[in-house]
Amino acid sequence: MCAEKPELAATGDVGRLKAATTVGPAKGTLMNSIIYLVGLVVVVLFILSLLGLR
């Protein structure tokens, strides 16, 4: 009976790990996209300020 409980816990942990890895990269991709867009806006504003158009 004691041997069954660790097996169940192990399968539950694997399920949680799969869910975390499925959701994790999506969050990371979204965050990278936001950082990329903010950086792009900063670069464009910097170039416009150099040209005196801002």
PDB file of N, CA and C in Angstrom:
ATOM      1  N   MET A   1       0.823  -1.190   0.000  1.00  0.00           N
ATOM      2  CA  MET A   1       0.000   0.000   0.000  1.00  0.00           C
ATOM      3  C   MET A   1       0.869   1.256   0.000  1.00  0.00           C
ATOM      4  N   CYS A   2       1.958   1.235   0.712  1.00  0.00           N
ATOM      5  CA  CYS A   2       2.846   2.387   0.730  1.00  0.00           C
ATOM      6  C   CYS A   2       3.534   2.566  -0.611  1.00  0.00           C
ATOM      7  N   ALA A   3       3.748   1.461  -1.339  1.00  0.00           N
ATOM      8  CA  ALA A   3       4.432   1.543  -2.628  1.00  0.00           C
ATOM      9  C   ALA A   3       3.551   2.221  -3.674  1.00  0.00           C
ATOM     10  N   GLU A   4       2.213   2.139  -3.519  1.00  0.00           N
ATOM     11  CA  GLU A   4       1.321   2.736  -4.500  1.00  0.00           C
ATOM     12  C   GLU A   4       1.301   4.255  -4.397  1.00  0.00           C
ATOM     13  N   LYS A   5       1.391   4.788  -3.217  1.00  0.00           N
ATOM     14  CA  LYS A   5       1.301   6.241  -3.050  1.00  0.00           C
ATOM     15  C   LYS A   5       2.435   6.992  -3.749  1.00  0.00           C
ATOM     16  N   PRO A   6       3.693   6.565  -3.623  1.00  0.00           N
ATOM     17  CA  PRO A   6       4.733   7.285  -4.360  1.00  0.00           C
ATOM     18  C   PRO A   6       4.556   7.217  -5.872  1.00  0.00           C
ATOM     19  N   GLU A   7       4.036   6.101  -6.371  1.00  0.00           N
ATOM     20  CA  GLU A   7       3.810   5.996  -7.811  1.00  0.00           C
ATOM     21  C   GLU A   7       2.755   6.991  -8.263  1.00  0.00           C
ATOM     22  N   LEU A   8       1.701   7.122  -7.478  1.00  0.00           N
ATOM     23  CA  LEU A   8       0.666   8.081  -7.826  1.00  0.00           C
ATOM     24  C   LEU A   8       1.207   9.498  -7.750  1.00  0.00           C
ATOM     25  N   ALA A   9       2.011   9.784  -6.759  1.00  0.00           N
ATOM     26  CA  ALA A   9       2.591  11.115  -6.629  1.00  0.00           C
ATOM     27  C   ALA A   9       3.523  11.390  -7.810  1.00  0.00           C
ATOM     28  N   ALA A  10       4.255  10.377  -8.228  1.00  0.00           N
ATOM     29  CA  ALA A  10       5.183  10.567  -9.346  1.00  0.00           C
ATOM     30  C   ALA A  10       4.422  10.873 -10.638  1.00  0.00           C
ATOM     31  N   THR A  11       3.331  10.161 -10.897  1.00  0.00           N
ATOM     32  CA  THR A  11       2.573  10.434 -12.114  1.00  0.00           C
ATOM     33  C   THR A  11       1.913  11.796 -12.029  1.00  0.00           C
ATOM     34  N   GLY A  12       1.492  12.213 -10.852  1.00  0.00           N
ATOM     35  CA  GLY A  12       0.918  13.546 -10.690  1.00  0.00           C
ATOM     36  C   GLY A  12       1.953  14.624 -10.949  1.00  0.00           C
ATOM     37  N   ASP A  13       3.181  14.402 -10.495  1.00  0.00           N
ATOM     38  CA  ASP A  13       4.242  15.375 -10.716  1.00  0.00           C
ATOM     39  C   ASP A  13       4.583  15.495 -12.197  1.00  0.00           C
ATOM     40  N   VAL A  14       4.576  14.374 -12.900  1.00  0.00           N
ATOM     41  CA  VAL A  14       4.868  14.402 -14.327  1.00  0.00           C
ATOM     42  C   VAL A  14       3.788  15.195 -15.046  1.00  0.00           C
ATOM     43  N   GLY A  15       2.543  15.016 -14.656  1.00  0.00           N
ATOM     44  CA  GLY A  15       1.450  15.776 -15.257  1.00  0.00           C
ATOM     45  C   GLY A  15       1.614  17.265 -15.034  1.00  0.00           C
ATOM     46  N   ARG A  16       2.040  17.639 -13.832  1.00  0.00           N
ATOM     47  CA  ARG A  16       2.254  19.056 -13.540  1.00  0.00           C
ATOM     48  C   ARG A  16       3.424  19.600 -14.349  1.00  0.00           C
ATOM     49  N   LEU A  17       4.470  18.814 -14.514  1.00  0.00           N
ATOM     50  CA  LEU A  17       5.628  19.266 -15.283  1.00  0.00           C
ATOM     51  C   LEU A  17       5.251  19.471 -16.745  1.00  0.00           C
ATOM     52  N   LYS A  18       4.446  18.581 -17.291  1.00  0.00           N
ATOM     53  CA  LYS A  18       4.018  18.734 -18.674  1.00  0.00           C
ATOM     54  C   LYS A  18       3.188  20.002 -18.837  1.00  0.00           C
ATOM     55  N   ALA A  19       2.300  20.277 -17.882  1.00  0.00           N
ATOM     56  CA  ALA A  19       1.478  21.484 -17.954  1.00  0.00           C
ATOM     57  C   ALA A  19       2.349  22.724 -17.845  1.00  0.00           C
ATOM     58  N   ALA A  20       3.351  22.697 -16.992  1.00  0.00           N
ATOM     59  CA  ALA A  20       4.223  23.860 -16.810  1.00  0.00           C
ATOM     60  C   ALA A  20       5.049  24.115 -18.065  1.00  0.00           C
ATOM     61  N   THR A  21       5.521  23.057 -18.708  1.00  0.00           N
ATOM     62  CA  THR A  21       6.335  23.259 -19.904  1.00  0.00           C
ATOM     63  C   THR A  21       5.469  23.684 -21.084  1.00  0.00           C
ATOM     64  N   THR A  22       4.200  23.313 -21.086  1.00  0.00           N
ATOM     65  CA  THR A  22       3.315  23.729 -22.166  1.00  0.00           C
ATOM     66  C   THR A  22       2.982  25.202 -22.055  1.00  0.00           C
ATOM     67  N   VAL A  23       2.746  25.667 -20.841  1.00  0.00           N
ATOM     68  CA  VAL A  23       2.366  27.058 -20.624  1.00  0.00           C
ATOM     69  C   VAL A  23       3.590  27.952 -20.601  1.00  0.00           C
ATOM     70  N   GLY A  24       4.721  27.475 -20.091  1.00  0.00           N
ATOM     71  CA  GLY A  24       5.922  28.285 -19.918  1.00  0.00           C
ATOM     72  C   GLY A  24       6.425  28.937 -21.191  1.00  0.00           C
ATOM     73  N   PRO A  25       6.665  28.196 -22.260  1.00  0.00           N
ATOM     74  CA  PRO A  25       7.188  28.823 -23.471  1.00  0.00           C
ATOM     75  C   PRO A  25       6.238  29.846 -24.074  1.00  0.00           C
ATOM     76  N   ALA A  26       4.943  29.639 -23.957  1.00  0.00           N
ATOM     77  CA  ALA A  26       3.984  30.604 -24.492  1.00  0.00           C
ATOM     78  C   ALA A  26       4.133  31.926 -23.759  1.00  0.00           C
ATOM     79  N   LYS A  27       4.298  31.871 -22.443  1.00  0.00           N
ATOM     80  CA  LYS A  27       4.498  33.090 -21.672  1.00  0.00           C
ATOM     81  C   LYS A  27       5.806  33.747 -22.053  1.00  0.00           C
ATOM     82  N   GLY A  28       6.848  32.961 -22.214  1.00  0.00           N
ATOM     83  CA  GLY A  28       8.150  33.495 -22.581  1.00  0.00           C
ATOM     84  C   GLY A  28       8.134  34.152 -23.949  1.00  0.00           C
ATOM     85  N   THR A  29       7.424  33.548 -24.885  1.00  0.00           N
ATOM     86  CA  THR A  29       7.325  34.103 -26.229  1.00  0.00           C
ATOM     87  C   THR A  29       6.583  35.424 -26.199  1.00  0.00           C
ATOM     88  N   LEU A  30       5.520  35.501 -25.426  1.00  0.00           N
ATOM     89  CA  LEU A  30       4.766  36.749 -25.302  1.00  0.00           C
ATOM     90  C   LEU A  30       5.636  37.833 -24.693  1.00  0.00           C
ATOM     91  N   MET A  31       6.369  37.493 -23.652  1.00  0.00           N
ATOM     92  CA  MET A  31       7.234  38.468 -22.996  1.00  0.00           C
ATOM     93  C   MET A  31       8.331  38.934 -23.936  1.00  0.00           C
ATOM     94  N   ASN A  32       8.921  38.028 -24.694  1.00  0.00           N
ATOM     95  CA  ASN A  32       9.958  38.414 -25.652  1.00  0.00           C
ATOM     96  C   ASN A  32       9.395  39.334 -26.734  1.00  0.00           C
ATOM     97  N   SER A  33       8.179  39.080 -27.164  1.00  0.00           N
ATOM     98  CA  SER A  33       7.552  39.933 -28.174  1.00  0.00           C
ATOM     99  C   SER A  33       7.329  41.333 -27.642  1.00  0.00           C
ATOM    100  N   ILE A  34       6.883  41.435 -26.400  1.00  0.00           N
ATOM    101  CA  ILE A  34       6.653  42.747 -25.788  1.00  0.00           C
ATOM    102  C   ILE A  34       7.971  43.504 -25.659  1.00  0.00           C
ATOM    103  N   ILE A  35       9.005  42.828 -25.194  1.00  0.00           N
ATOM    104  CA  ILE A  35      10.315  43.471 -25.039  1.00  0.00           C
ATOM    105  C   ILE A  35      10.850  43.909 -26.400  1.00  0.00           C
ATOM    106  N   TYR A  36      10.672  43.091 -27.411  1.00  0.00           N
ATOM    107  CA  TYR A  36      11.120  43.425 -28.758  1.00  0.00           C
ATOM    108  C   TYR A  36      10.406  44.664 -29.279  1.00  0.00           C
ATOM    109  N   LEU A  37       9.090  44.718 -29.096  1.00  0.00           N
ATOM    110  CA  LEU A  37       8.323  45.868 -29.578  1.00  0.00           C
ATOM    111  C   LEU A  37       8.710  47.152 -28.857  1.00  0.00           C
ATOM    112  N   VAL A  38       8.898  47.083 -27.542  1.00  0.00           N
ATOM    113  CA  VAL A  38       9.302  48.258 -26.769  1.00  0.00           C
ATOM    114  C   VAL A  38      10.678  48.731 -27.238  1.00  0.00           C
ATOM    115  N   GLY A  39      11.591  47.804 -27.436  1.00  0.00           N
ATOM    116  CA  GLY A  39      12.920  48.161 -27.926  1.00  0.00           C
ATOM    117  C   GLY A  39      12.866  48.798 -29.298  1.00  0.00           C
ATOM    118  N   LEU A  40      12.022  48.270 -30.155  1.00  0.00           N
ATOM    119  CA  LEU A  40      11.872  48.814 -31.501  1.00  0.00           C
ATOM    120  C   LEU A  40      11.343  50.244 -31.460  1.00  0.00           C
ATOM    121  N   VAL A  41      10.373  50.499 -30.607  1.00  0.00           N
ATOM    122  CA  VAL A  41       9.823  51.856 -30.453  1.00  0.00           C
ATOM    123  C   VAL A  41      10.901  52.809 -29.941  1.00  0.00           C
ATOM    124  N   VAL A  42      11.696  52.364 -28.984  1.00  0.00           N
ATOM    125  CA  VAL A  42      12.764  53.208 -28.438  1.00  0.00           C
ATOM    126  C   VAL A  42      13.775  53.558 -29.529  1.00  0.00           C
ATOM    127  N   VAL A  43      14.149  52.583 -30.333  1.00  0.00           N
ATOM    128  CA  VAL A  43      15.112  52.840 -31.414  1.00  0.00           C
ATOM    129  C   VAL A  43      14.533  53.818 -32.429  1.00  0.00           C
ATOM    130  N   VAL A  44      13.282  53.646 -32.801  1.00  0.00           N
ATOM    131  CA  VAL A  44      12.650  54.547 -33.769  1.00  0.00           C
ATOM    132  C   VAL A  44      12.579  55.964 -33.206  1.00  0.00           C
ATOM    133  N   LEU A  45      12.191  56.101 -31.951  1.00  0.00           N
ATOM    134  CA  LEU A  45      12.129  57.429 -31.339  1.00  0.00           C
ATOM    135  C   LEU A  45      13.512  58.069 -31.259  1.00  0.00           C
ATOM    136  N   PHE A  46      14.531  57.266 -30.979  1.00  0.00           N
ATOM    137  CA  PHE A  46      15.893  57.789 -30.928  1.00  0.00           C
ATOM    138  C   PHE A  46      16.331  58.307 -32.295  1.00  0.00           C
ATOM    139  N   ILE A  47      16.043  57.545 -33.335  1.00  0.00           N
ATOM    140  CA  ILE A  47      16.425  57.976 -34.678  1.00  0.00           C
ATOM    141  C   ILE A  47      15.662  59.237 -35.081  1.00  0.00           C
ATOM    142  N   LEU A  48      14.373  59.280 -34.752  1.00  0.00           N
ATOM    143  CA  LEU A  48      13.590  60.485 -35.054  1.00  0.00           C
ATOM    144  C   LEU A  48      14.122  61.693 -34.301  1.00  0.00           C
ATOM    145  N   SER A  49      14.538  61.514 -33.063  1.00  0.00           N
ATOM    146  CA  SER A  49      15.067  62.643 -32.297  1.00  0.00           C
ATOM    147  C   SER A  49      16.393  63.122 -32.872  1.00  0.00           C
ATOM    148  N   LEU A  50      17.200  62.212 -33.401  1.00  0.00           N
ATOM    149  CA  LEU A  50      18.454  62.613 -34.053  1.00  0.00           C
ATOM    150  C   LEU A  50      18.187  63.445 -35.304  1.00  0.00           C
ATOM    151  N   LEU A  51      17.134  63.102 -36.012  1.00  0.00           N
ATOM    152  CA  LEU A  51      16.775  63.826 -37.233  1.00  0.00           C
ATOM    153  C   LEU A  51      15.967  65.092 -36.948  1.00  0.00           C
ATOM    154  N   GLY A  52      15.568  65.269 -35.702  1.00  0.00           N
ATOM    155  CA  GLY A  52      14.790  66.462 -35.321  1.00  0.00           C
ATOM    156  C   GLY A  52      13.340  66.373 -35.720  1.00  0.00           C
ATOM    157  N   LEU A  53      12.829  65.179 -35.918  1.00  0.00           N
ATOM    158  CA  LEU A  53      11.440  65.006 -36.338  1.00  0.00           C
ATOM    159  C   LEU A  53      10.483  64.690 -35.200  1.00  0.00           C
ATOM    160  N   ARG A  54      10.992  64.576 -34.023  1.00  0.00           N
ATOM    161  CA  ARG A  54      10.116  64.204 -32.928  1.00  0.00           C
ATOM    162  C   ARG A  54       9.636  65.424 -32.199  1.00  0.00           C
TER     163      ARG A  54
END
